[in-house]
Amino acid sequence: GIDREDFKRVLGDAQFCSATYRLFKLPVDYKKYGGGKVIYNGQLPGHEEEFQMDHLTSLRAENPTCLSGELVTLLRASRLAEEFEFDPSAETVCCVKVTEGENPFDVIQQKREKGEKIESACCGPKIGCC
């Protein structure tokens, strides 16, 4: 919410949400994979315990995680591929439901209701505002 009273007078009950999109460009000749089990090795600096792919997908180090075919394809084609182990035998048994078009205001509200921390800026508290 808006904390400063002078801003509240001008903005009323306006809401603001900042979203960061992580975009990946797949090579022209990429192979499309089915969903499968992926294990993150925990070697990315600053992400030794967990790699947060997006607000719905978190990969804990050394923990098998089922991902959709879209995410498996993206990770295999990315510069991050060597940070993951891909289990091709799980392609036919791994199932993931993906939420598309999710309202960012709803995501923030759900986090508030669960008591989860919501960063005040996209850069996080140590760096400050973007």
N, C-alpha and C. Protein backbone atom coordinates (compact mmCIF):
# COMPACT_ATOMS: atom_id res chain seq x y z
N GLY A 1 0.80 -1.18 0.00
CA GLY A 1 0.00 0.00 0.00
C GLY A 1 0.84 1.25 0.00
N ILE A 2 0.20 2.35 -0.10
CA ILE A 2 0.87 3.65 -0.10
C ILE A 2 0.99 4.13 1.34
N ASP A 3 2.21 4.45 1.76
CA ASP A 3 2.47 4.83 3.14
C ASP A 3 2.46 6.34 3.36
N ARG A 4 2.93 7.11 2.39
CA ARG A 4 3.05 8.56 2.57
C ARG A 4 1.69 9.23 2.43
N GLU A 5 1.34 10.02 3.44
CA GLU A 5 0.03 10.68 3.46
C GLU A 5 -0.15 11.64 2.29
N ASP A 6 0.89 12.40 1.90
CA ASP A 6 0.78 13.33 0.78
C ASP A 6 0.49 12.59 -0.53
N PHE A 7 1.04 11.39 -0.69
CA PHE A 7 0.75 10.58 -1.87
C PHE A 7 -0.66 10.03 -1.82
N LYS A 8 -1.12 9.63 -0.63
CA LYS A 8 -2.47 9.09 -0.48
C LYS A 8 -3.52 10.12 -0.88
N ARG A 9 -3.27 11.39 -0.53
CA ARG A 9 -4.23 12.44 -0.88
C ARG A 9 -4.34 12.60 -2.40
N VAL A 10 -3.25 12.47 -3.09
CA VAL A 10 -3.24 12.65 -4.55
C VAL A 10 -3.73 11.39 -5.26
N LEU A 11 -3.27 10.23 -4.79
CA LEU A 11 -3.55 8.98 -5.49
C LEU A 11 -4.81 8.25 -5.04
N GLY A 12 -5.33 8.62 -3.89
CA GLY A 12 -6.52 7.93 -3.39
C GLY A 12 -6.23 6.47 -3.11
N ASP A 13 -7.08 5.58 -3.62
CA ASP A 13 -6.88 4.15 -3.36
C ASP A 13 -6.17 3.43 -4.51
N ALA A 14 -5.41 4.19 -5.30
CA ALA A 14 -4.67 3.60 -6.42
C ALA A 14 -3.71 2.54 -5.90
N GLN A 15 -3.47 1.52 -6.70
CA GLN A 15 -2.54 0.46 -6.35
C GLN A 15 -1.43 0.40 -7.39
N PHE A 16 -0.29 -0.07 -6.99
CA PHE A 16 0.84 -0.21 -7.89
C PHE A 16 1.46 -1.58 -7.69
N CYS A 17 1.82 -2.20 -8.79
CA CYS A 17 2.50 -3.49 -8.72
C CYS A 17 3.60 -3.48 -9.78
N SER A 18 4.79 -3.88 -9.38
CA SER A 18 5.91 -3.97 -10.30
C SER A 18 6.18 -5.43 -10.59
N ALA A 19 6.31 -5.79 -11.84
CA ALA A 19 6.60 -7.17 -12.22
C ALA A 19 7.86 -7.19 -13.08
N THR A 20 8.69 -8.17 -12.83
CA THR A 20 9.90 -8.36 -13.63
C THR A 20 9.70 -9.61 -14.47
N TYR A 21 9.99 -9.49 -15.75
CA TYR A 21 9.85 -10.63 -16.65
C TYR A 21 11.24 -11.12 -17.03
N ARG A 22 11.45 -12.42 -16.85
CA ARG A 22 12.72 -13.03 -17.25
C ARG A 22 12.47 -13.63 -18.63
N LEU A 23 13.09 -13.04 -19.65
CA LEU A 23 12.85 -13.47 -21.02
C LEU A 23 14.00 -14.32 -21.52
N PHE A 24 13.68 -15.39 -22.21
CA PHE A 24 14.68 -16.28 -22.77
C PHE A 24 14.42 -16.39 -24.27
N LYS A 25 15.47 -16.31 -25.04
CA LYS A 25 15.35 -16.50 -26.49
C LYS A 25 15.87 -17.89 -26.81
N LEU A 26 14.99 -18.72 -27.35
CA LEU A 26 15.37 -20.08 -27.71
C LEU A 26 16.07 -20.07 -29.06
N PRO A 27 17.07 -20.94 -29.24
CA PRO A 27 17.72 -21.02 -30.55
C PRO A 27 16.73 -21.50 -31.61
N VAL A 28 16.98 -21.18 -32.86
CA VAL A 28 16.08 -21.54 -33.96
C VAL A 28 15.89 -23.05 -34.04
N ASP A 29 16.93 -23.82 -33.78
CA ASP A 29 16.87 -25.27 -33.94
C ASP A 29 16.66 -26.02 -32.61
N TYR A 30 16.03 -25.37 -31.63
CA TYR A 30 15.86 -26.02 -30.32
C TYR A 30 14.93 -27.22 -30.41
N LYS A 31 15.16 -28.19 -29.51
CA LYS A 31 14.29 -29.36 -29.41
C LYS A 31 13.28 -29.10 -28.31
N LYS A 32 12.02 -29.33 -28.60
CA LYS A 32 10.97 -29.14 -27.59
C LYS A 32 10.87 -30.43 -26.77
N TYR A 33 10.98 -30.26 -25.43
CA TYR A 33 10.93 -31.39 -24.53
C TYR A 33 9.58 -31.47 -23.84
N GLY A 34 9.24 -32.66 -23.39
CA GLY A 34 8.05 -32.83 -22.57
C GLY A 34 8.38 -32.45 -21.13
N GLY A 35 7.39 -32.45 -20.28
CA GLY A 35 7.62 -32.17 -18.87
C GLY A 35 8.53 -33.23 -18.28
N GLY A 36 9.20 -32.89 -17.20
CA GLY A 36 10.09 -33.86 -16.61
C GLY A 36 10.65 -33.42 -15.27
N LYS A 37 11.40 -34.32 -14.69
CA LYS A 37 12.03 -34.07 -13.40
C LYS A 37 13.34 -33.33 -13.63
N VAL A 38 13.56 -32.28 -12.84
CA VAL A 38 14.77 -31.48 -12.93
C VAL A 38 15.36 -31.35 -11.54
N ILE A 39 16.69 -31.44 -11.45
CA ILE A 39 17.38 -31.26 -10.17
C ILE A 39 18.35 -30.09 -10.31
N TYR A 40 18.17 -29.07 -9.48
CA TYR A 40 19.05 -27.91 -9.44
C TYR A 40 20.27 -28.25 -8.59
N ASN A 41 21.48 -27.94 -9.08
CA ASN A 41 22.69 -28.34 -8.36
C ASN A 41 23.13 -27.37 -7.26
N GLY A 42 22.51 -26.20 -7.15
CA GLY A 42 22.84 -25.27 -6.07
C GLY A 42 24.13 -24.52 -6.27
N GLN A 43 24.61 -24.42 -7.50
CA GLN A 43 25.90 -23.80 -7.77
C GLN A 43 25.84 -22.34 -8.22
N LEU A 44 24.66 -21.77 -8.41
CA LEU A 44 24.57 -20.37 -8.83
C LEU A 44 24.87 -19.47 -7.63
N PRO A 45 25.84 -18.55 -7.74
CA PRO A 45 26.18 -17.66 -6.63
C PRO A 45 24.95 -16.87 -6.16
N GLY A 46 24.73 -16.88 -4.86
CA GLY A 46 23.59 -16.17 -4.28
C GLY A 46 22.31 -17.00 -4.25
N HIS A 47 22.37 -18.19 -4.87
CA HIS A 47 21.19 -19.06 -4.94
C HIS A 47 21.59 -20.49 -4.59
N GLU A 48 22.43 -20.64 -3.58
CA GLU A 48 22.96 -21.95 -3.23
C GLU A 48 21.88 -22.89 -2.67
N GLU A 49 20.90 -22.36 -1.98
CA GLU A 49 19.85 -23.19 -1.38
C GLU A 49 18.66 -23.40 -2.31
N GLU A 50 18.36 -22.36 -3.10
CA GLU A 50 17.13 -22.39 -3.89
C GLU A 50 17.25 -21.43 -5.08
N PHE A 51 16.70 -21.84 -6.22
CA PHE A 51 16.64 -20.98 -7.40
C PHE A 51 15.18 -20.68 -7.67
N GLN A 52 14.81 -19.41 -7.58
CA GLN A 52 13.43 -18.98 -7.79
C GLN A 52 13.26 -18.64 -9.27
N MET A 53 12.64 -19.54 -10.02
CA MET A 53 12.45 -19.34 -11.46
C MET A 53 11.45 -18.23 -11.72
N ASP A 54 10.33 -18.27 -11.02
CA ASP A 54 9.30 -17.23 -11.09
C ASP A 54 8.48 -17.33 -9.80
N HIS A 55 7.40 -16.55 -9.70
CA HIS A 55 6.65 -16.55 -8.44
C HIS A 55 5.91 -17.87 -8.17
N LEU A 56 5.85 -18.75 -9.16
CA LEU A 56 5.20 -20.04 -8.97
C LEU A 56 6.18 -21.21 -8.90
N THR A 57 7.42 -21.01 -9.36
CA THR A 57 8.35 -22.10 -9.51
C THR A 57 9.64 -21.86 -8.74
N SER A 58 9.86 -22.69 -7.75
CA SER A 58 11.06 -22.60 -6.93
C SER A 58 11.75 -23.96 -6.96
N LEU A 59 13.05 -23.96 -7.23
CA LEU A 59 13.81 -25.21 -7.31
C LEU A 59 14.82 -25.25 -6.17
N ARG A 60 14.59 -26.15 -5.22
CA ARG A 60 15.51 -26.30 -4.08
C ARG A 60 16.70 -27.15 -4.52
N ALA A 61 17.88 -26.78 -4.07
CA ALA A 61 19.10 -27.49 -4.44
C ALA A 61 19.01 -28.97 -4.09
N GLU A 62 19.43 -29.80 -5.05
CA GLU A 62 19.48 -31.26 -4.89
C GLU A 62 18.12 -31.90 -4.63
N ASN A 63 17.04 -31.21 -4.95
CA ASN A 63 15.68 -31.71 -4.74
C ASN A 63 15.02 -31.90 -6.10
N PRO A 64 14.61 -33.10 -6.49
CA PRO A 64 13.93 -33.27 -7.78
C PRO A 64 12.61 -32.48 -7.81
N THR A 65 12.39 -31.79 -8.91
CA THR A 65 11.18 -30.99 -9.10
C THR A 65 10.59 -31.30 -10.46
N CYS A 66 9.29 -31.51 -10.53
CA CYS A 66 8.62 -31.73 -11.81
C CYS A 66 8.32 -30.38 -12.46
N LEU A 67 8.70 -30.24 -13.72
CA LEU A 67 8.46 -29.00 -14.46
C LEU A 67 7.71 -29.30 -15.75
N SER A 68 7.03 -28.29 -16.24
CA SER A 68 6.31 -28.40 -17.51
C SER A 68 7.32 -28.54 -18.65
N GLY A 69 6.86 -29.02 -19.78
CA GLY A 69 7.72 -29.13 -20.96
C GLY A 69 8.29 -27.79 -21.38
N GLU A 70 7.50 -26.74 -21.24
CA GLU A 70 7.96 -25.40 -21.60
C GLU A 70 9.17 -24.99 -20.76
N LEU A 71 9.11 -25.22 -19.44
CA LEU A 71 10.23 -24.84 -18.59
C LEU A 71 11.44 -25.74 -18.79
N VAL A 72 11.22 -27.03 -19.02
CA VAL A 72 12.33 -27.94 -19.28
C VAL A 72 13.04 -27.50 -20.57
N THR A 73 12.29 -27.20 -21.61
CA THR A 73 12.86 -26.75 -22.88
C THR A 73 13.65 -25.46 -22.68
N LEU A 74 13.08 -24.52 -21.95
CA LEU A 74 13.72 -23.24 -21.70
C LEU A 74 15.04 -23.42 -20.94
N LEU A 75 15.03 -24.22 -19.88
CA LEU A 75 16.25 -24.42 -19.09
C LEU A 75 17.32 -25.15 -19.89
N ARG A 76 16.93 -26.16 -20.66
CA ARG A 76 17.91 -26.92 -21.46
C ARG A 76 18.58 -26.04 -22.51
N ALA A 77 17.85 -25.05 -23.04
CA ALA A 77 18.38 -24.19 -24.10
C ALA A 77 19.09 -22.95 -23.53
N SER A 78 19.02 -22.74 -22.23
CA SER A 78 19.58 -21.52 -21.64
C SER A 78 21.03 -21.69 -21.21
N ARG A 79 21.67 -20.59 -20.88
CA ARG A 79 23.04 -20.61 -20.36
C ARG A 79 23.10 -21.28 -18.99
N LEU A 80 21.94 -21.49 -18.37
CA LEU A 80 21.88 -22.11 -17.04
C LEU A 80 21.81 -23.64 -17.10
N ALA A 81 21.77 -24.21 -18.29
CA ALA A 81 21.54 -25.66 -18.45
C ALA A 81 22.49 -26.51 -17.61
N GLU A 82 23.75 -26.10 -17.51
CA GLU A 82 24.72 -26.92 -16.76
C GLU A 82 24.46 -26.91 -15.25
N GLU A 83 23.58 -26.03 -14.79
CA GLU A 83 23.24 -25.96 -13.36
C GLU A 83 22.13 -26.95 -12.98
N PHE A 84 21.63 -27.71 -13.97
CA PHE A 84 20.51 -28.62 -13.74
C PHE A 84 20.80 -30.00 -14.30
N GLU A 85 20.21 -30.99 -13.65
CA GLU A 85 20.24 -32.36 -14.14
C GLU A 85 18.83 -32.67 -14.62
N PHE A 86 18.71 -33.15 -15.84
CA PHE A 86 17.40 -33.43 -16.43
C PHE A 86 17.19 -34.94 -16.49
N ASP A 87 16.05 -35.40 -16.00
CA ASP A 87 15.73 -36.82 -15.98
C ASP A 87 14.74 -37.12 -17.10
N PRO A 88 15.25 -37.63 -18.24
CA PRO A 88 14.36 -37.90 -19.38
C PRO A 88 13.35 -39.00 -19.11
N SER A 89 13.62 -39.90 -18.17
CA SER A 89 12.68 -40.98 -17.90
C SER A 89 11.39 -40.48 -17.26
N ALA A 90 11.41 -39.26 -16.73
CA ALA A 90 10.23 -38.72 -16.04
C ALA A 90 9.31 -37.95 -16.98
N GLU A 91 9.67 -37.83 -18.26
CA GLU A 91 8.87 -37.03 -19.19
C GLU A 91 7.43 -37.47 -19.30
N THR A 92 7.16 -38.75 -19.20
CA THR A 92 5.79 -39.23 -19.40
C THR A 92 4.98 -39.29 -18.11
N VAL A 93 5.64 -39.22 -16.96
CA VAL A 93 4.90 -39.34 -15.70
C VAL A 93 4.81 -38.04 -14.91
N CYS A 94 5.53 -37.03 -15.34
CA CYS A 94 5.59 -35.77 -14.60
C CYS A 94 4.48 -34.83 -15.11
N CYS A 95 3.71 -34.31 -14.19
CA CYS A 95 2.60 -33.45 -14.59
C CYS A 95 2.63 -32.16 -13.78
N VAL A 96 2.51 -31.03 -14.45
CA VAL A 96 2.53 -29.72 -13.78
C VAL A 96 1.39 -28.88 -14.31
N LYS A 97 0.66 -28.23 -13.42
CA LYS A 97 -0.39 -27.31 -13.84
C LYS A 97 0.21 -25.90 -13.82
N VAL A 98 0.06 -25.17 -14.92
CA VAL A 98 0.63 -23.83 -15.03
C VAL A 98 -0.51 -22.81 -15.02
N THR A 99 -0.35 -21.78 -14.23
CA THR A 99 -1.33 -20.71 -14.18
C THR A 99 -0.90 -19.59 -15.11
N GLU A 100 -1.71 -19.28 -16.10
CA GLU A 100 -1.38 -18.21 -17.03
C GLU A 100 -2.29 -17.01 -16.79
N GLY A 101 -1.77 -15.84 -17.08
CA GLY A 101 -2.58 -14.64 -16.98
C GLY A 101 -2.96 -14.27 -15.56
N GLU A 102 -2.13 -14.65 -14.61
CA GLU A 102 -2.44 -14.40 -13.20
C GLU A 102 -2.35 -12.90 -12.91
N ASN A 103 -3.29 -12.40 -12.13
CA ASN A 103 -3.34 -10.99 -11.77
C ASN A 103 -2.30 -10.71 -10.68
N PRO A 104 -1.31 -9.81 -10.94
CA PRO A 104 -0.27 -9.56 -9.94
C PRO A 104 -0.82 -9.00 -8.63
N PHE A 105 -1.93 -8.28 -8.69
CA PHE A 105 -2.53 -7.75 -7.46
C PHE A 105 -3.06 -8.90 -6.60
N ASP A 106 -3.61 -9.93 -7.24
CA ASP A 106 -4.08 -11.10 -6.50
C ASP A 106 -2.92 -11.84 -5.85
N VAL A 107 -1.79 -11.94 -6.58
CA VAL A 107 -0.61 -12.62 -6.04
C VAL A 107 -0.13 -11.90 -4.78
N ILE A 108 -0.05 -10.58 -4.84
CA ILE A 108 0.39 -9.80 -3.68
C ILE A 108 -0.58 -9.95 -2.52
N GLN A 109 -1.87 -9.91 -2.81
CA GLN A 109 -2.87 -10.06 -1.76
C GLN A 109 -2.77 -11.43 -1.10
N GLN A 110 -2.56 -12.47 -1.89
CA GLN A 110 -2.42 -13.82 -1.34
C GLN A 110 -1.18 -13.92 -0.45
N LYS A 111 -0.09 -13.27 -0.87
CA LYS A 111 1.13 -13.26 -0.05
C LYS A 111 0.87 -12.54 1.28
N ARG A 112 0.14 -11.42 1.22
CA ARG A 112 -0.19 -10.69 2.45
C ARG A 112 -1.01 -11.57 3.40
N GLU A 113 -2.00 -12.25 2.84
CA GLU A 113 -2.87 -13.10 3.65
C GLU A 113 -2.11 -14.25 4.30
N LYS A 114 -1.05 -14.74 3.63
CA LYS A 114 -0.24 -15.82 4.18
C LYS A 114 0.84 -15.30 5.12
N GLY A 115 0.97 -13.96 5.19
CA GLY A 115 1.99 -13.37 6.04
C GLY A 115 3.38 -13.41 5.42
N GLU A 116 3.46 -13.62 4.11
CA GLU A 116 4.75 -13.67 3.43
C GLU A 116 5.28 -12.27 3.20
N LYS A 117 6.61 -12.14 3.17
CA LYS A 117 7.26 -10.85 2.96
C LYS A 117 7.07 -10.40 1.51
N ILE A 118 6.78 -9.13 1.33
CA ILE A 118 6.64 -8.55 0.01
C ILE A 118 7.69 -7.46 -0.11
N GLU A 119 8.62 -7.61 -1.07
CA GLU A 119 9.68 -6.63 -1.24
C GLU A 119 9.08 -5.30 -1.70
N SER A 120 9.67 -4.20 -1.22
CA SER A 120 9.15 -2.88 -1.55
C SER A 120 9.63 -2.38 -2.90
N ALA A 121 10.67 -2.98 -3.46
CA ALA A 121 11.18 -2.58 -4.76
C ALA A 121 11.72 -3.80 -5.48
N CYS A 122 11.78 -3.73 -6.80
CA CYS A 122 12.21 -4.90 -7.57
C CYS A 122 13.65 -5.27 -7.28
N CYS A 123 14.45 -4.33 -6.84
CA CYS A 123 15.85 -4.61 -6.54
C CYS A 123 16.05 -5.21 -5.17
N GLY A 124 15.03 -5.22 -4.34
CA GLY A 124 15.15 -5.76 -2.99
C GLY A 124 15.62 -4.71 -2.01
N PRO A 125 15.59 -5.03 -0.75
CA PRO A 125 15.88 -4.05 0.28
C PRO A 125 17.33 -3.62 0.38
N LYS A 126 18.29 -4.46 -0.03
CA LYS A 126 19.71 -4.10 0.11
C LYS A 126 20.14 -3.06 -0.89
N ILE A 127 19.60 -3.09 -2.10
CA ILE A 127 20.05 -2.21 -3.17
C ILE A 127 19.21 -0.94 -3.23
N GLY A 128 17.93 -1.04 -2.93
CA GLY A 128 17.06 0.12 -3.01
C GLY A 128 16.20 0.06 -4.24
N CYS A 129 15.60 1.14 -4.56
CA CYS A 129 14.67 1.19 -5.69
C CYS A 129 15.40 1.15 -7.02
N CYS A 130 14.74 0.58 -8.02
CA CYS A 130 15.36 0.45 -9.37
C CYS A 130 15.46 1.78 -10.06
